[in-house]
C-alpha atoms as a PDB file:
ATOM      1  CA  MET A   1      -0.166   0.001   0.095  1.00  0.00           C
ATOM      2  CA  SER A   2       1.310   3.225  -1.070  1.00  0.00           C
ATOM      3  CA  ILE A   3       0.023   5.778   1.329  1.00  0.00           C
ATOM      4  CA  GLU A   4       1.015   8.865  -0.787  1.00  0.00           C
ATOM      5  CA  ASP A   5      -0.984   7.093  -3.939  1.00  0.00           C
ATOM      6  CA  ARG A   6      -4.186   7.244  -1.495  1.00  0.00           C
ATOM      7  CA  ILE A   7      -3.532  10.556  -0.947  1.00  0.00           C
ATOM      8  CA  LYS A   8      -3.459  11.266  -4.682  1.00  0.00           C
ATOM      9  CA  ALA A   9      -6.588   9.471  -5.074  1.00  0.00           C
ATOM     10  CA  THR A  10      -8.249  11.140  -2.340  1.00  0.00           C
ATOM     11  CA  GLY A  11      -7.178  14.849  -3.519  1.00  0.00           C
ATOM     12  CA  LYS A  12      -8.239  13.782  -6.944  1.00  0.00           C
ATOM     13  CA  ASN A  13     -11.907  12.696  -5.702  1.00  0.00           C
ATOM     14  CA  ILE A  14     -12.245  16.255  -3.583  1.00  0.00           C
ATOM     15  CA  GLU A  15     -10.988  17.846  -6.812  1.00  0.00           C
ATOM     16  CA  GLY A  16     -13.600  16.260  -8.974  1.00  0.00           C
ATOM     17  CA  LYS A  17     -16.374  16.793  -6.632  1.00  0.00           C
ATOM     18  CA  VAL A  18     -15.712  20.177  -6.738  1.00  0.00           C
ATOM     19  CA  GLN A  19     -15.450  20.461 -10.303  1.00  0.00           C
ATOM     20  CA  GLU A  20     -18.660  19.047 -10.440  1.00  0.00           C
ATOM     21  CA  MET A  21     -20.364  21.157  -8.213  1.00  0.00           C
ATOM     22  CA  VAL A  22     -18.924  24.095 -10.062  1.00  0.00           C
ATOM     23  CA  GLY A  23     -20.292  22.771 -13.157  1.00  0.00           C
ATOM     24  CA  GLU A  24     -23.748  22.669 -11.642  1.00  0.00           C
ATOM     25  CA  ILE A  25     -23.477  26.219 -10.309  1.00  0.00           C
ATOM     26  CA  THR A  26     -22.394  27.684 -13.491  1.00  0.00           C
ATOM     27  CA  GLY A  27     -24.458  25.364 -15.891  1.00  0.00           C
ATOM     28  CA  ASN A  28     -21.442  24.343 -17.520  1.00  0.00           C
ATOM     29  CA  PRO A  29     -21.874  20.267 -18.552  1.00  0.00           C
ATOM     30  CA  GLN A  30     -18.197  19.982 -19.663  1.00  0.00           C
ATOM     31  CA  ASP A  31     -17.164  20.992 -15.994  1.00  0.00           C
ATOM     32  CA  LYS A  32     -19.666  18.612 -14.620  1.00  0.00           C
ATOM     33  CA  ALA A  33     -18.902  15.405 -16.826  1.00  0.00           C
ATOM     34  CA  GLU A  34     -14.948  16.385 -16.432  1.00  0.00           C
ATOM     35  CA  GLY A  35     -15.648  16.313 -12.387  1.00  0.00           C
ATOM     36  CA  LYS A  36     -17.255  12.954 -12.608  1.00  0.00           C
ATOM     37  CA  GLU A  37     -14.689  11.608 -14.615  1.00  0.00           C
ATOM     38  CA  LYS A  38     -11.959  12.582 -12.105  1.00  0.00           C
ATOM     39  CA  GLN A  39     -13.849  11.050  -9.307  1.00  0.00           C
ATOM     40  CA  ALA A  40     -14.262   7.780 -11.164  1.00  0.00           C
ATOM     41  CA  GLN A  41     -10.778   7.566 -12.006  1.00  0.00           C
ATOM     42  CA  ALA A  42      -9.959   8.343  -7.886  1.00  0.00           C
ATOM     43  CA  GLN A  43     -12.670   5.149  -7.319  1.00  0.00           C
ATOM     44  CA  VAL A  44     -10.518   2.975  -9.432  1.00  0.00           C
ATOM     45  CA  GLU A  45      -7.216   4.017  -7.954  1.00  0.00           C
ATOM     46  CA  HIS A  46      -8.488   3.259  -4.496  1.00  0.00           C
ATOM     47  CA  SER A  47      -9.394  -0.092  -6.081  1.00  0.00           C
ATOM     48  CA  VAL A  48      -6.298  -1.019  -7.082  1.00  0.00           C
ATOM     49  CA  GLU A  49      -4.763  -0.026  -3.669  1.00  0.00           C
ATOM     50  CA  ASN A  50      -6.960  -2.114  -1.966  1.00  0.00           C
ATOM     51  CA  MET A  51      -6.199  -4.925  -4.244  1.00  0.00           C
ATOM     52  CA  LYS A  52      -2.619  -4.538  -3.727  1.00  0.00           C
ATOM     53  CA  ASP A  53      -3.217  -4.397   0.046  1.00  0.00           C
ATOM     54  CA  ASN A  54      -5.167  -7.888   0.044  1.00  0.00           C
ATOM     55  CA  ILE A  55      -2.425  -9.635  -2.369  1.00  0.00           C
ATOM     56  CA  LYS A  56       0.150  -8.181   0.177  1.00  0.00           C
ATOM     57  CA  LYS A  57      -2.036  -9.729   3.014  1.00  0.00           C
ATOM     58  CA  ALA A  58      -2.250 -13.047   0.975  1.00  0.00           C
ATOM     59  CA  ILE A  59       1.245 -13.409   0.605  1.00  0.00           C
ATOM     60  CA  ASP A  60       2.266 -12.772   4.364  1.00  0.00           C
END
């Protein structure tokens, strides 16, 4: 598990939520979509880190 990777993924998730919210407020569908995409990427990154943790536990 890389704490740095988890921090980056969390930051990307927060950034995506803010961008999505700004898109909602301003009525900009592109910002809203990009925000959702960043959130999805962050979720994938978290899943990868979880899989790494599970593999490491299984090996230990």
